Amino acid sequence: MKIRYEEMFPHEFKLALSKNPIAYLPLGSIEYHGYHNALGLDSLKAWKICQLAAKKIGGVVFPPMYLGVDAWPDIDLQKYPNKQFDCYHIDAKLYQEVLDNYFYRIIRIGF
């Protein structure tokens, strides 16, 4: 049975929802993790963990959200040049609004 929402057909989604109405929303930002790691490492790890959980206990895994909140938005790029890769951050209040809206819609469709 499929677990990834974006790969499901409507009848597969209805079946998965009826078996176990758990939704997984992997979250993580895109940022520098060293030259040996992908910039999207946080989201990729969260996505894999969600998929492993869904395979084990059921549920539907939504596509990862490659967004985060930047703890140091105005840091000096001259002093910290790797900060240039941290481009998928948004304001904390806006991030909360996006998540609230996402969760509202997830609940609204039956989770």
PDB file of N, CA and C in Angstrom:
ATOM      1  N   MET A   1       0.841  -1.178   0.000  1.00  0.00           N
ATOM      2  CA  MET A   1       0.000   0.000   0.000  1.00  0.00           C
ATOM      3  C   MET A   1       0.894   1.252   0.000  1.00  0.00           C
ATOM      4  N   LYS A   2       0.507   2.236  -0.772  1.00  0.00           N
ATOM      5  CA  LYS A   2       1.273   3.477  -0.839  1.00  0.00           C
ATOM      6  C   LYS A   2       1.104   4.282   0.445  1.00  0.00           C
ATOM      7  N   ILE A   3       2.147   5.026   0.780  1.00  0.00           N
ATOM      8  CA  ILE A   3       2.105   5.871   1.974  1.00  0.00           C
ATOM      9  C   ILE A   3       2.343   7.342   1.648  1.00  0.00           C
ATOM     10  N   ARG A   4       2.894   7.622   0.466  1.00  0.00           N
ATOM     11  CA  ARG A   4       3.210   9.003   0.082  1.00  0.00           C
ATOM     12  C   ARG A   4       2.021   9.632  -0.633  1.00  0.00           C
ATOM     13  N   TYR A   5       1.522  10.715  -0.049  1.00  0.00           N
ATOM     14  CA  TYR A   5       0.316  11.389  -0.538  1.00  0.00           C
ATOM     15  C   TYR A   5       0.412  11.748  -2.017  1.00  0.00           C
ATOM     16  N   GLU A   6       1.534  12.283  -2.438  1.00  0.00           N
ATOM     17  CA  GLU A   6       1.658  12.763  -3.815  1.00  0.00           C
ATOM     18  C   GLU A   6       1.643  11.636  -4.848  1.00  0.00           C
ATOM     19  N   GLU A   7       1.836  10.401  -4.417  1.00  0.00           N
ATOM     20  CA  GLU A   7       1.825   9.260  -5.331  1.00  0.00           C
ATOM     21  C   GLU A   7       0.485   8.538  -5.369  1.00  0.00           C
ATOM     22  N   MET A   8      -0.414   8.899  -4.461  1.00  0.00           N
ATOM     23  CA  MET A   8      -1.687   8.189  -4.329  1.00  0.00           C
ATOM     24  C   MET A   8      -2.728   8.659  -5.344  1.00  0.00           C
ATOM     25  N   PHE A   9      -3.544   7.704  -5.751  1.00  0.00           N
ATOM     26  CA  PHE A   9      -4.763   8.009  -6.499  1.00  0.00           C
ATOM     27  C   PHE A   9      -5.864   8.184  -5.454  1.00  0.00           C
ATOM     28  N   PRO A  10      -6.965   8.832  -5.804  1.00  0.00           N
ATOM     29  CA  PRO A  10      -8.014   9.082  -4.799  1.00  0.00           C
ATOM     30  C   PRO A  10      -8.479   7.833  -4.047  1.00  0.00           C
ATOM     31  N   HIS A  11      -8.671   6.722  -4.744  1.00  0.00           N
ATOM     32  CA  HIS A  11      -9.139   5.517  -4.056  1.00  0.00           C
ATOM     33  C   HIS A  11      -8.079   4.976  -3.088  1.00  0.00           C
ATOM     34  N   GLU A  12      -6.798   5.152  -3.414  1.00  0.00           N
ATOM     35  CA  GLU A  12      -5.722   4.708  -2.516  1.00  0.00           C
ATOM     36  C   GLU A  12      -5.668   5.596  -1.272  1.00  0.00           C
ATOM     37  N   PHE A  13      -5.905   6.880  -1.466  1.00  0.00           N
ATOM     38  CA  PHE A  13      -5.931   7.798  -0.333  1.00  0.00           C
ATOM     39  C   PHE A  13      -7.080   7.449   0.618  1.00  0.00           C
ATOM     40  N   LYS A  14      -8.263   7.211   0.066  1.00  0.00           N
ATOM     41  CA  LYS A  14      -9.422   6.864   0.902  1.00  0.00           C
ATOM     42  C   LYS A  14      -9.164   5.587   1.697  1.00  0.00           C
ATOM     43  N   LEU A  15      -8.534   4.605   1.063  1.00  0.00           N
ATOM     44  CA  LEU A  15      -8.225   3.351   1.739  1.00  0.00           C
ATOM     45  C   LEU A  15      -7.228   3.581   2.879  1.00  0.00           C
ATOM     46  N   ALA A  16      -6.166   4.314   2.607  1.00  0.00           N
ATOM     47  CA  ALA A  16      -5.164   4.594   3.634  1.00  0.00           C
ATOM     48  C   ALA A  16      -5.769   5.364   4.805  1.00  0.00           C
ATOM     49  N   LEU A  17      -6.604   6.327   4.505  1.00  0.00           N
ATOM     50  CA  LEU A  17      -7.261   7.127   5.534  1.00  0.00           C
ATOM     51  C   LEU A  17      -8.188   6.266   6.395  1.00  0.00           C
ATOM     52  N   SER A  18      -8.899   5.343   5.754  1.00  0.00           N
ATOM     53  CA  SER A  18      -9.822   4.487   6.500  1.00  0.00           C
ATOM     54  C   SER A  18      -9.087   3.485   7.390  1.00  0.00           C
ATOM     55  N   LYS A  19      -7.894   3.070   6.984  1.00  0.00           N
ATOM     56  CA  LYS A  19      -7.136   2.095   7.773  1.00  0.00           C
ATOM     57  C   LYS A  19      -6.459   2.722   8.985  1.00  0.00           C
ATOM     58  N   ASN A  20      -5.925   3.926   8.809  1.00  0.00           N
ATOM     59  CA  ASN A  20      -5.232   4.583   9.911  1.00  0.00           C
ATOM     60  C   ASN A  20      -5.109   6.082   9.603  1.00  0.00           C
ATOM     61  N   PRO A  21      -5.997   6.900  10.152  1.00  0.00           N
ATOM     62  CA  PRO A  21      -6.013   8.329   9.812  1.00  0.00           C
ATOM     63  C   PRO A  21      -4.925   9.155  10.513  1.00  0.00           C
ATOM     64  N   ILE A  22      -3.680   8.784  10.258  1.00  0.00           N
ATOM     65  CA  ILE A  22      -2.543   9.535  10.782  1.00  0.00           C
ATOM     66  C   ILE A  22      -1.885  10.262   9.615  1.00  0.00           C
ATOM     67  N   ALA A  23      -1.654  11.550   9.794  1.00  0.00           N
ATOM     68  CA  ALA A  23      -0.953  12.342   8.781  1.00  0.00           C
ATOM     69  C   ALA A  23       0.439  12.690   9.305  1.00  0.00           C
ATOM     70  N   TYR A  24       1.417  12.591   8.421  1.00  0.00           N
ATOM     71  CA  TYR A  24       2.790  12.966   8.739  1.00  0.00           C
ATOM     72  C   TYR A  24       3.165  14.152   7.852  1.00  0.00           C
ATOM     73  N   LEU A  25       3.683  15.204   8.466  1.00  0.00           N
ATOM     74  CA  LEU A  25       4.129  16.368   7.715  1.00  0.00           C
ATOM     75  C   LEU A  25       5.595  16.626   8.057  1.00  0.00           C
ATOM     76  N   PRO A  26       6.506  16.162   7.209  1.00  0.00           N
ATOM     77  CA  PRO A  26       7.935  16.376   7.470  1.00  0.00           C
ATOM     78  C   PRO A  26       8.304  17.855   7.317  1.00  0.00           C
ATOM     79  N   LEU A  27       9.003  18.375   8.298  1.00  0.00           N
ATOM     80  CA  LEU A  27       9.400  19.783   8.295  1.00  0.00           C
ATOM     81  C   LEU A  27      10.919  19.902   8.384  1.00  0.00           C
ATOM     82  N   GLY A  28      11.458  20.854   7.680  1.00  0.00           N
ATOM     83  CA  GLY A  28      12.883  21.138   7.752  1.00  0.00           C
ATOM     84  C   GLY A  28      13.245  22.235   6.776  1.00  0.00           C
ATOM     85  N   SER A  29      14.253  22.986   7.133  1.00  0.00           N
ATOM     86  CA  SER A  29      14.653  24.086   6.260  1.00  0.00           C
ATOM     87  C   SER A  29      15.802  23.653   5.347  1.00  0.00           C
ATOM     88  N   ILE A  30      16.096  24.517   4.407  1.00  0.00           N
ATOM     89  CA  ILE A  30      17.248  24.311   3.534  1.00  0.00           C
ATOM     90  C   ILE A  30      18.340  25.239   4.037  1.00  0.00           C
ATOM     91  N   GLU A  31      19.455  24.636   4.423  1.00  0.00           N
ATOM     92  CA  GLU A  31      20.557  25.409   4.967  1.00  0.00           C
ATOM     93  C   GLU A  31      21.853  24.627   4.891  1.00  0.00           C
ATOM     94  N   TYR A  32      22.932  25.292   5.135  1.00  0.00           N
ATOM     95  CA  TYR A  32      24.269  24.708   5.073  1.00  0.00           C
ATOM     96  C   TYR A  32      24.472  23.693   6.193  1.00  0.00           C
ATOM     97  N   HIS A  33      24.960  22.517   5.806  1.00  0.00           N
ATOM     98  CA  HIS A  33      25.295  21.463   6.770  1.00  0.00           C
ATOM     99  C   HIS A  33      26.696  20.936   6.524  1.00  0.00           C
ATOM    100  N   GLY A  34      27.535  21.732   5.929  1.00  0.00           N
ATOM    101  CA  GLY A  34      28.880  21.293   5.555  1.00  0.00           C
ATOM    102  C   GLY A  34      28.890  20.861   4.096  1.00  0.00           C
ATOM    103  N   TYR A  35      30.063  20.843   3.523  1.00  0.00           N
ATOM    104  CA  TYR A  35      30.164  20.505   2.100  1.00  0.00           C
ATOM    105  C   TYR A  35      29.923  19.023   1.823  1.00  0.00           C
ATOM    106  N   HIS A  36      29.848  18.214   2.853  1.00  0.00           N
ATOM    107  CA  HIS A  36      29.616  16.782   2.706  1.00  0.00           C
ATOM    108  C   HIS A  36      28.132  16.408   2.797  1.00  0.00           C
ATOM    109  N   ASN A  37      27.249  17.372   3.016  1.00  0.00           N
ATOM    110  CA  ASN A  37      25.824  17.088   3.171  1.00  0.00           C
ATOM    111  C   ASN A  37      24.987  17.927   2.211  1.00  0.00           C
ATOM    112  N   ALA A  38      23.817  17.394   1.895  1.00  0.00           N
ATOM    113  CA  ALA A  38      22.865  18.126   1.051  1.00  0.00           C
ATOM    114  C   ALA A  38      22.281  19.305   1.832  1.00  0.00           C
ATOM    115  N   LEU A  39      21.947  20.356   1.121  1.00  0.00           N
ATOM    116  CA  LEU A  39      21.375  21.540   1.768  1.00  0.00           C
ATOM    117  C   LEU A  39      20.005  21.246   2.376  1.00  0.00           C
ATOM    118  N   GLY A  40      19.283  20.297   1.827  1.00  0.00           N
ATOM    119  CA  GLY A  40      17.959  19.948   2.342  1.00  0.00           C
ATOM    120  C   GLY A  40      17.977  18.808   3.339  1.00  0.00           C
ATOM    121  N   LEU A  41      19.102  18.578   3.985  1.00  0.00           N
ATOM    122  CA  LEU A  41      19.270  17.435   4.887  1.00  0.00           C
ATOM    123  C   LEU A  41      18.181  17.336   5.954  1.00  0.00           C
ATOM    124  N   ASP A  42      17.809  18.451   6.570  1.00  0.00           N
ATOM    125  CA  ASP A  42      16.795  18.413   7.642  1.00  0.00           C
ATOM    126  C   ASP A  42      15.473  17.829   7.144  1.00  0.00           C
ATOM    127  N   SER A  43      15.002  18.333   6.016  1.00  0.00           N
ATOM    128  CA  SER A  43      13.735  17.846   5.469  1.00  0.00           C
ATOM    129  C   SER A  43      13.845  16.414   4.977  1.00  0.00           C
ATOM    130  N   LEU A  44      14.967  16.083   4.370  1.00  0.00           N
ATOM    131  CA  LEU A  44      15.148  14.718   3.856  1.00  0.00           C
ATOM    132  C   LEU A  44      15.140  13.696   4.992  1.00  0.00           C
ATOM    133  N   LYS A  45      15.803  14.021   6.094  1.00  0.00           N
ATOM    134  CA  LYS A  45      15.794  13.114   7.250  1.00  0.00           C
ATOM    135  C   LYS A  45      14.389  12.991   7.827  1.00  0.00           C
ATOM    136  N   ALA A  46      13.701  14.119   7.991  1.00  0.00           N
ATOM    137  CA  ALA A  46      12.340  14.094   8.537  1.00  0.00           C
ATOM    138  C   ALA A  46      11.422  13.283   7.636  1.00  0.00           C
ATOM    139  N   TRP A  47      11.572  13.447   6.325  1.00  0.00           N
ATOM    140  CA  TRP A  47      10.742  12.731   5.360  1.00  0.00           C
ATOM    141  C   TRP A  47      10.962  11.227   5.465  1.00  0.00           C
ATOM    142  N   LYS A  48      12.215  10.813   5.573  1.00  0.00           N
ATOM    143  CA  LYS A  48      12.526   9.382   5.675  1.00  0.00           C
ATOM    144  C   LYS A  48      11.975   8.800   6.979  1.00  0.00           C
ATOM    145  N   ILE A  49      12.134   9.515   8.067  1.00  0.00           N
ATOM    146  CA  ILE A  49      11.616   9.035   9.355  1.00  0.00           C
ATOM    147  C   ILE A  49      10.098   8.882   9.295  1.00  0.00           C
ATOM    148  N   CYS A  50       9.419   9.846   8.694  1.00  0.00           N
ATOM    149  CA  CYS A  50       7.963   9.767   8.553  1.00  0.00           C
ATOM    150  C   CYS A  50       7.558   8.569   7.693  1.00  0.00           C
ATOM    151  N   GLN A  51       8.290   8.324   6.625  1.00  0.00           N
ATOM    152  CA  GLN A  51       7.973   7.181   5.760  1.00  0.00           C
ATOM    153  C   GLN A  51       8.182   5.859   6.499  1.00  0.00           C
ATOM    154  N   LEU A  52       9.243   5.752   7.280  1.00  0.00           N
ATOM    155  CA  LEU A  52       9.487   4.525   8.047  1.00  0.00           C
ATOM    156  C   LEU A  52       8.372   4.302   9.070  1.00  0.00           C
ATOM    157  N   ALA A  53       7.937   5.375   9.731  1.00  0.00           N
ATOM    158  CA  ALA A  53       6.845   5.258  10.707  1.00  0.00           C
ATOM    159  C   ALA A  53       5.556   4.836  10.021  1.00  0.00           C
ATOM    160  N   ALA A  54       5.250   5.438   8.878  1.00  0.00           N
ATOM    161  CA  ALA A  54       4.015   5.106   8.162  1.00  0.00           C
ATOM    162  C   ALA A  54       4.033   3.666   7.653  1.00  0.00           C
ATOM    163  N   LYS A  55       5.171   3.192   7.226  1.00  0.00           N
ATOM    164  CA  LYS A  55       5.269   1.793   6.778  1.00  0.00           C
ATOM    165  C   LYS A  55       5.013   0.843   7.936  1.00  0.00           C
ATOM    166  N   LYS A  56       5.446   1.242   9.114  1.00  0.00           N
ATOM    167  CA  LYS A  56       5.302   0.379  10.283  1.00  0.00           C
ATOM    168  C   LYS A  56       3.906   0.419  10.885  1.00  0.00           C
ATOM    169  N   ILE A  57       3.310   1.621  11.010  1.00  0.00           N
ATOM    170  CA  ILE A  57       2.026   1.716  11.714  1.00  0.00           C
ATOM    171  C   ILE A  57       0.888   2.261  10.871  1.00  0.00           C
ATOM    172  N   GLY A  58       1.182   2.662   9.656  1.00  0.00           N
ATOM    173  CA  GLY A  58       0.135   3.187   8.785  1.00  0.00           C
ATOM    174  C   GLY A  58       0.109   4.695   8.759  1.00  0.00           C
ATOM    175  N   GLY A  59      -0.761   5.218   7.934  1.00  0.00           N
ATOM    176  CA  GLY A  59      -0.895   6.652   7.788  1.00  0.00           C
ATOM    177  C   GLY A  59      -0.418   7.125   6.431  1.00  0.00           C
ATOM    178  N   VAL A  60      -0.477   8.428   6.248  1.00  0.00           N
ATOM    179  CA  VAL A  60      -0.133   9.057   4.976  1.00  0.00           C
ATOM    180  C   VAL A  60       0.942  10.106   5.222  1.00  0.00           C
ATOM    181  N   VAL A  61       1.997  10.047   4.410  1.00  0.00           N
ATOM    182  CA  VAL A  61       3.101  10.997   4.518  1.00  0.00           C
ATOM    183  C   VAL A  61       2.936  12.079   3.456  1.00  0.00           C
ATOM    184  N   PHE A  62       2.795  13.314   3.905  1.00  0.00           N
ATOM    185  CA  PHE A  62       2.713  14.443   2.988  1.00  0.00           C
ATOM    186  C   PHE A  62       4.111  14.822   2.513  1.00  0.00           C
ATOM    187  N   PRO A  63       4.215  15.510   1.391  1.00  0.00           N
ATOM    188  CA  PRO A  63       5.539  15.954   0.938  1.00  0.00           C
ATOM    189  C   PRO A  63       6.170  16.881   1.976  1.00  0.00           C
ATOM    190  N   PRO A  64       7.483  16.848   2.075  1.00  0.00           N
ATOM    191  CA  PRO A  64       8.131  17.706   3.072  1.00  0.00           C
ATOM    192  C   PRO A  64       7.975  19.187   2.746  1.00  0.00           C
ATOM    193  N   MET A  65       7.948  19.971   3.807  1.00  0.00           N
ATOM    194  CA  MET A  65       7.960  21.424   3.656  1.00  0.00           C
ATOM    195  C   MET A  65       9.393  21.891   3.869  1.00  0.00           C
ATOM    196  N   TYR A  66       9.977  22.424   2.834  1.00  0.00           N
ATOM    197  CA  TYR A  66      11.352  22.910   2.912  1.00  0.00           C
ATOM    198  C   TYR A  66      11.364  24.374   3.363  1.00  0.00           C
ATOM    199  N   LEU A  67      10.845  24.604   4.542  1.00  0.00           N
ATOM    200  CA  LEU A  67      10.800  25.947   5.120  1.00  0.00           C
ATOM    201  C   LEU A  67      11.227  25.880   6.572  1.00  0.00           C
ATOM    202  N   GLY A  68      11.787  26.947   7.038  1.00  0.00           N
ATOM    203  CA  GLY A  68      12.153  27.014   8.433  1.00  0.00           C
ATOM    204  C   GLY A  68      12.182  28.442   8.906  1.00  0.00           C
ATOM    205  N   VAL A  69      12.485  28.600  10.181  1.00  0.00           N
ATOM    206  CA  VAL A  69      12.621  29.920  10.780  1.00  0.00           C
ATOM    207  C   VAL A  69      14.107  30.157  11.007  1.00  0.00           C
ATOM    208  N   ASP A  70      14.587  31.300  10.583  1.00  0.00           N
ATOM    209  CA  ASP A  70      16.005  31.635  10.695  1.00  0.00           C
ATOM    210  C   ASP A  70      16.279  32.290  12.042  1.00  0.00           C
ATOM    211  N   ALA A  71      17.089  31.643  12.858  1.00  0.00           N
ATOM    212  CA  ALA A  71      17.423  32.187  14.174  1.00  0.00           C
ATOM    213  C   ALA A  71      18.369  33.386  14.076  1.00  0.00           C
ATOM    214  N   TRP A  72      19.114  33.495  12.973  1.00  0.00           N
ATOM    215  CA  TRP A  72      20.060  34.597  12.777  1.00  0.00           C
ATOM    216  C   TRP A  72      19.869  35.204  11.389  1.00  0.00           C
ATOM    217  N   PRO A  73      18.747  35.871  11.161  1.00  0.00           N
ATOM    218  CA  PRO A  73      18.453  36.369   9.814  1.00  0.00           C
ATOM    219  C   PRO A  73      19.381  37.480   9.322  1.00  0.00           C
ATOM    220  N   ASP A  74      19.969  38.214  10.217  1.00  0.00           N
ATOM    221  CA  ASP A  74      20.793  39.351   9.810  1.00  0.00           C
ATOM    222  C   ASP A  74      22.276  39.136  10.083  1.00  0.00           C
ATOM    223  N   ILE A  75      22.700  37.881  10.146  1.00  0.00           N
ATOM    224  CA  ILE A  75      24.101  37.586  10.435  1.00  0.00           C
ATOM    225  C   ILE A  75      24.988  38.073   9.287  1.00  0.00           C
ATOM    226  N   ASP A  76      26.185  38.462   9.595  1.00  0.00           N
ATOM    227  CA  ASP A  76      27.140  39.017   8.633  1.00  0.00           C
ATOM    228  C   ASP A  76      27.586  37.941   7.632  1.00  0.00           C
ATOM    229  N   LEU A  77      27.211  38.118   6.362  1.00  0.00           N
ATOM    230  CA  LEU A  77      27.569  37.144   5.322  1.00  0.00           C
ATOM    231  C   LEU A  77      29.057  37.163   5.001  1.00  0.00           C
ATOM    232  N   GLN A  78      29.721  38.251   5.281  1.00  0.00           N
ATOM    233  CA  GLN A  78      31.172  38.305   5.066  1.00  0.00           C
ATOM    234  C   GLN A  78      31.880  37.412   6.089  1.00  0.00           C
ATOM    235  N   LYS A  79      31.399  37.457   7.311  1.00  0.00           N
ATOM    236  CA  LYS A  79      32.008  36.669   8.385  1.00  0.00           C
ATOM    237  C   LYS A  79      31.564  35.198   8.321  1.00  0.00           C
ATOM    238  N   TYR A  80      30.325  34.973   7.890  1.00  0.00           N
ATOM    239  CA  TYR A  80      29.773  33.619   7.801  1.00  0.00           C
ATOM    240  C   TYR A  80      29.276  33.370   6.369  1.00  0.00           C
ATOM    241  N   PRO A  81      30.185  33.132   5.424  1.00  0.00           N
ATOM    242  CA  PRO A  81      29.795  33.022   4.012  1.00  0.00           C
ATOM    243  C   PRO A  81      28.878  31.835   3.697  1.00  0.00           C
ATOM    244  N   ASN A  82      28.908  30.806   4.500  1.00  0.00           N
ATOM    245  CA  ASN A  82      28.044  29.645   4.229  1.00  0.00           C
ATOM    246  C   ASN A  82      26.576  29.936   4.532  1.00  0.00           C
ATOM    247  N   LYS A  83      26.329  31.057   5.180  1.00  0.00           N
ATOM    248  CA  LYS A  83      24.958  31.487   5.452  1.00  0.00           C
ATOM    249  C   LYS A  83      24.215  31.802   4.150  1.00  0.00           C
ATOM    250  N   GLN A  84      24.961  31.987   3.058  1.00  0.00           N
ATOM    251  CA  GLN A  84      24.345  32.283   1.764  1.00  0.00           C
ATOM    252  C   GLN A  84      23.418  31.175   1.290  1.00  0.00           C
ATOM    253  N   PHE A  85      23.593  29.971   1.799  1.00  0.00           N
ATOM    254  CA  PHE A  85      22.766  28.838   1.377  1.00  0.00           C
ATOM    255  C   PHE A  85      21.425  28.772   2.113  1.00  0.00           C
ATOM    256  N   ASP A  86      21.284  29.547   3.169  1.00  0.00           N
ATOM    257  CA  ASP A  86      20.089  29.490   4.012  1.00  0.00           C
ATOM    258  C   ASP A  86      18.969  30.358   3.434  1.00  0.00           C
ATOM    259  N   CYS A  87      18.375  29.905   2.348  1.00  0.00           N
ATOM    260  CA  CYS A  87      17.449  30.774   1.616  1.00  0.00           C
ATOM    261  C   CYS A  87      15.972  30.409   1.788  1.00  0.00           C
ATOM    262  N   TYR A  88      15.648  29.353   2.470  1.00  0.00           N
ATOM    263  CA  TYR A  88      14.245  28.953   2.595  1.00  0.00           C
ATOM    264  C   TYR A  88      13.734  29.154   4.008  1.00  0.00           C
ATOM    265  N   HIS A  89      14.002  30.309   4.553  1.00  0.00           N
ATOM    266  CA  HIS A  89      13.513  30.668   5.876  1.00  0.00           C
ATOM    267  C   HIS A  89      12.460  31.760   5.742  1.00  0.00           C
ATOM    268  N   ILE A  90      11.499  31.715   6.633  1.00  0.00           N
ATOM    269  CA  ILE A  90      10.496  32.768   6.659  1.00  0.00           C
ATOM    270  C   ILE A  90      10.322  33.235   8.105  1.00  0.00           C
ATOM    271  N   ASP A  91       9.648  34.336   8.273  1.00  0.00           N
ATOM    272  CA  ASP A  91       9.371  34.912   9.579  1.00  0.00           C
ATOM    273  C   ASP A  91       8.613  33.905  10.451  1.00  0.00           C
ATOM    274  N   ALA A  92       8.931  33.863  11.738  1.00  0.00           N
ATOM    275  CA  ALA A  92       8.317  32.894  12.656  1.00  0.00           C
ATOM    276  C   ALA A  92       6.798  33.001  12.693  1.00  0.00           C
ATOM    277  N   LYS A  93       6.273  34.211  12.689  1.00  0.00           N
ATOM    278  CA  LYS A  93       4.812  34.390  12.723  1.00  0.00           C
ATOM    279  C   LYS A  93       4.173  33.846  11.447  1.00  0.00           C
ATOM    280  N   LEU A  94       4.789  34.123  10.307  1.00  0.00           N
ATOM    281  CA  LEU A  94       4.270  33.612   9.036  1.00  0.00           C
ATOM    282  C   LEU A  94       4.369  32.087   8.986  1.00  0.00           C
ATOM    283  N   TYR A  95       5.464  31.547   9.491  1.00  0.00           N
ATOM    284  CA  TYR A  95       5.640  30.094   9.529  1.00  0.00           C
ATOM    285  C   TYR A  95       4.519  29.448  10.349  1.00  0.00           C
ATOM    286  N   GLN A  96       4.212  30.035  11.497  1.00  0.00           N
ATOM    287  CA  GLN A  96       3.133  29.509  12.343  1.00  0.00           C
ATOM    288  C   GLN A  96       1.801  29.574  11.619  1.00  0.00           C
ATOM    289  N   GLU A  97       1.555  30.654  10.893  1.00  0.00           N
ATOM    290  CA  GLU A  97       0.310  30.781  10.134  1.00  0.00           C
ATOM    291  C   GLU A  97       0.228  29.722   9.030  1.00  0.00           C
ATOM    292  N   VAL A  98       1.324  29.486   8.348  1.00  0.00           N
ATOM    293  CA  VAL A  98       1.360  28.458   7.296  1.00  0.00           C
ATOM    294  C   VAL A  98       1.054  27.093   7.898  1.00  0.00           C
ATOM    295  N   LEU A  99       1.713  26.769   9.016  1.00  0.00           N
ATOM    296  CA  LEU A  99       1.473  25.473   9.668  1.00  0.00           C
ATOM    297  C   LEU A  99       0.039  25.355  10.182  1.00  0.00           C
ATOM    298  N   ASP A 100      -0.483  26.405  10.788  1.00  0.00           N
ATOM    299  CA  ASP A 100      -1.865  26.382  11.264  1.00  0.00           C
ATOM    300  C   ASP A 100      -2.822  26.089  10.113  1.00  0.00           C
ATOM    301  N   ASN A 101      -2.592  26.740   8.979  1.00  0.00           N
ATOM    302  CA  ASN A 101      -3.436  26.540   7.811  1.00  0.00           C
ATOM    303  C   ASN A 101      -3.303  25.118   7.273  1.00  0.00           C
ATOM    304  N   TYR A 102      -2.079  24.637   7.204  1.00  0.00           N
ATOM    305  CA  TYR A 102      -1.829  23.277   6.722  1.00  0.00           C
ATOM    306  C   TYR A 102      -2.530  22.259   7.624  1.00  0.00           C
ATOM    307  N   PHE A 103      -2.350  22.394   8.946  1.00  0.00           N
ATOM    308  CA  PHE A 103      -2.976  21.449   9.878  1.00  0.00           C
ATOM    309  C   PHE A 103      -4.497  21.525   9.820  1.00  0.00           C
ATOM    310  N   TYR A 104      -5.031  22.720   9.677  1.00  0.00           N
ATOM    311  CA  TYR A 104      -6.473  22.870   9.540  1.00  0.00           C
ATOM    312  C   TYR A 104      -6.977  22.061   8.343  1.00  0.00           C
ATOM    313  N   ARG A 105      -6.293  22.180   7.226  1.00  0.00           N
ATOM    314  CA  ARG A 105      -6.720  21.479   6.011  1.00  0.00           C
ATOM    315  C   ARG A 105      -6.517  19.966   6.107  1.00  0.00           C
ATOM    316  N   ILE A 106      -5.451  19.555   6.782  1.00  0.00           N
ATOM    317  CA  ILE A 106      -5.217  18.123   6.993  1.00  0.00           C
ATOM    318  C   ILE A 106      -6.353  17.531   7.837  1.00  0.00           C
ATOM    319  N   ILE A 107      -6.715  18.245   8.895  1.00  0.00           N
ATOM    320  CA  ILE A 107      -7.825  17.781   9.746  1.00  0.00           C
ATOM    321  C   ILE A 107      -9.145  17.794   8.970  1.00  0.00           C
ATOM    322  N   ARG A 108      -9.317  18.818   8.157  1.00  0.00           N
ATOM    323  CA  ARG A 108     -10.560  18.973   7.398  1.00  0.00           C
ATOM    324  C   ARG A 108     -10.797  17.823   6.412  1.00  0.00           C
ATOM    325  N   ILE A 109      -9.722  17.215   5.898  1.00  0.00           N
ATOM    326  CA  ILE A 109      -9.918  16.121   4.930  1.00  0.00           C
ATOM    327  C   ILE A 109     -10.006  14.748   5.618  1.00  0.00           C
ATOM    328  N   GLY A 110      -9.992  14.735   6.955  1.00  0.00           N
ATOM    329  CA  GLY A 110     -10.290  13.484   7.627  1.00  0.00           C
ATOM    330  C   GLY A 110      -9.269  12.934   8.584  1.00  0.00           C
ATOM    331  N   PHE A 111      -8.166  13.608   8.752  1.00  0.00           N
ATOM    332  CA  PHE A 111      -7.173  13.113   9.718  1.00  0.00           C
ATOM    333  C   PHE A 111      -7.511  13.583  11.098  1.00  0.00           C
TER     334      PHE A 111
END
